[in-house]
Amino acid sequence: MFRPSDLLKRRRRFFEEVTRDLDPGKREAAMAILESWREGESDKDLVEVLGEELAKKLLRKEKT
């Protein structure tokens, strides 16, 4: 059984791994989107910040 805080930590670690090659501004923006996740809206925000290809890759891996 997972606690909600464990899931958030795992999601944060995953985001950090995927976004490690980005410049610091984009990485911080992506982390801010993660912390204030809103279904639907945040997906679009990630596409704007990270680009369509990386955002789709990130969201696909995150959901599995």
C-alpha atoms as a PDB file:
ATOM      1  CA  MET A   1       0.000   0.000   0.000  1.00  0.00           C
ATOM      2  CA  PHE A   2       1.310   3.421  -0.961  1.00  0.00           C
ATOM      3  CA  ARG A   3       0.815   6.627   0.942  1.00  0.00           C
ATOM      4  CA  PRO A   4      -0.097   9.713  -1.097  1.00  0.00           C
ATOM      5  CA  SER A   5       3.178  11.372  -0.122  1.00  0.00           C
ATOM      6  CA  ASP A   6       5.117   8.377  -1.505  1.00  0.00           C
ATOM      7  CA  LEU A   7       3.324   8.672  -4.831  1.00  0.00           C
ATOM      8  CA  LEU A   8       4.108  12.383  -5.056  1.00  0.00           C
ATOM      9  CA  LYS A   9       7.783  11.727  -4.291  1.00  0.00           C
ATOM     10  CA  ARG A  10       7.923   9.024  -6.955  1.00  0.00           C
ATOM     11  CA  ARG A  11       6.249  11.309  -9.496  1.00  0.00           C
ATOM     12  CA  ARG A  12       8.652  14.153  -8.627  1.00  0.00           C
ATOM     13  CA  ARG A  13      11.710  11.889  -9.003  1.00  0.00           C
ATOM     14  CA  PHE A  14      10.423  10.673 -12.362  1.00  0.00           C
ATOM     15  CA  PHE A  15       9.871  14.262 -13.580  1.00  0.00           C
ATOM     16  CA  GLU A  16      13.375  15.220 -12.453  1.00  0.00           C
ATOM     17  CA  GLU A  17      14.896  12.341 -14.411  1.00  0.00           C
ATOM     18  CA  VAL A  18      12.978  13.144 -17.587  1.00  0.00           C
ATOM     19  CA  THR A  19      13.628  16.893 -17.454  1.00  0.00           C
ATOM     20  CA  ARG A  20      17.299  16.781 -16.379  1.00  0.00           C
ATOM     21  CA  ASP A  21      18.524  17.784 -19.860  1.00  0.00           C
ATOM     22  CA  LEU A  22      16.363  20.905 -20.055  1.00  0.00           C
ATOM     23  CA  ASP A  23      17.494  24.383 -19.148  1.00  0.00           C
ATOM     24  CA  PRO A  24      16.736  25.363 -15.529  1.00  0.00           C
ATOM     25  CA  GLY A  25      13.853  27.704 -16.423  1.00  0.00           C
ATOM     26  CA  LYS A  26      11.920  25.047 -18.304  1.00  0.00           C
ATOM     27  CA  ARG A  27      12.663  22.463 -15.635  1.00  0.00           C
ATOM     28  CA  GLU A  28      11.348  24.724 -12.859  1.00  0.00           C
ATOM     29  CA  ALA A  29       8.231  25.510 -14.897  1.00  0.00           C
ATOM     30  CA  ALA A  30       7.593  21.793 -15.431  1.00  0.00           C
ATOM     31  CA  MET A  31       8.040  21.123 -11.703  1.00  0.00           C
ATOM     32  CA  ALA A  32       5.608  23.940 -10.860  1.00  0.00           C
ATOM     33  CA  ILE A  33       3.041  22.363 -13.184  1.00  0.00           C
ATOM     34  CA  LEU A  34       3.560  19.042 -11.421  1.00  0.00           C
ATOM     35  CA  GLU A  35       3.030  20.555  -7.991  1.00  0.00           C
ATOM     36  CA  SER A  36      -0.220  22.248  -8.997  1.00  0.00           C
ATOM     37  CA  TRP A  37      -1.553  19.455 -11.235  1.00  0.00           C
ATOM     38  CA  ARG A  38      -5.005  20.072 -12.755  1.00  0.00           C
ATOM     39  CA  GLU A  39      -6.277  17.319 -15.019  1.00  0.00           C
ATOM     40  CA  GLY A  40      -6.575  18.509 -18.616  1.00  0.00           C
ATOM     41  CA  GLU A  41      -5.183  22.011 -18.099  1.00  0.00           C
ATOM     42  CA  SER A  42      -1.791  20.850 -16.863  1.00  0.00           C
ATOM     43  CA  ASP A  43      -1.391  18.555 -19.858  1.00  0.00           C
ATOM     44  CA  LYS A  44      -1.666  21.573 -22.156  1.00  0.00           C
ATOM     45  CA  ASP A  45       0.720  23.586 -19.990  1.00  0.00           C
ATOM     46  CA  LEU A  46       3.322  20.829 -20.191  1.00  0.00           C
ATOM     47  CA  VAL A  47       3.065  20.789 -23.985  1.00  0.00           C
ATOM     48  CA  GLU A  48       3.698  24.547 -24.031  1.00  0.00           C
ATOM     49  CA  VAL A  49       6.726  24.311 -21.748  1.00  0.00           C
ATOM     50  CA  LEU A  50       8.339  21.046 -22.838  1.00  0.00           C
ATOM     51  CA  GLY A  51       7.153  20.652 -26.399  1.00  0.00           C
ATOM     52  CA  GLU A  52       4.688  18.124 -27.705  1.00  0.00           C
ATOM     53  CA  GLU A  53       7.077  15.183 -28.089  1.00  0.00           C
ATOM     54  CA  LEU A  54       8.607  15.330 -24.604  1.00  0.00           C
ATOM     55  CA  ALA A  55       5.271  16.081 -22.924  1.00  0.00           C
ATOM     56  CA  LYS A  56       3.614  13.073 -24.571  1.00  0.00           C
ATOM     57  CA  LYS A  57       6.533  10.854 -23.607  1.00  0.00           C
ATOM     58  CA  LEU A  58       6.402  12.099 -20.042  1.00  0.00           C
ATOM     59  CA  LEU A  59       2.639  11.719 -19.691  1.00  0.00           C
ATOM     60  CA  ARG A  60       2.640   8.274 -21.286  1.00  0.00           C
ATOM     61  CA  LYS A  61       5.317   6.954 -18.922  1.00  0.00           C
ATOM     62  CA  GLU A  62       3.749   8.662 -15.922  1.00  0.00           C
ATOM     63  CA  LYS A  63       0.370   6.979 -16.461  1.00  0.00           C
ATOM     64  CA  THR A  64       1.828   3.467 -16.694  1.00  0.00           C
END
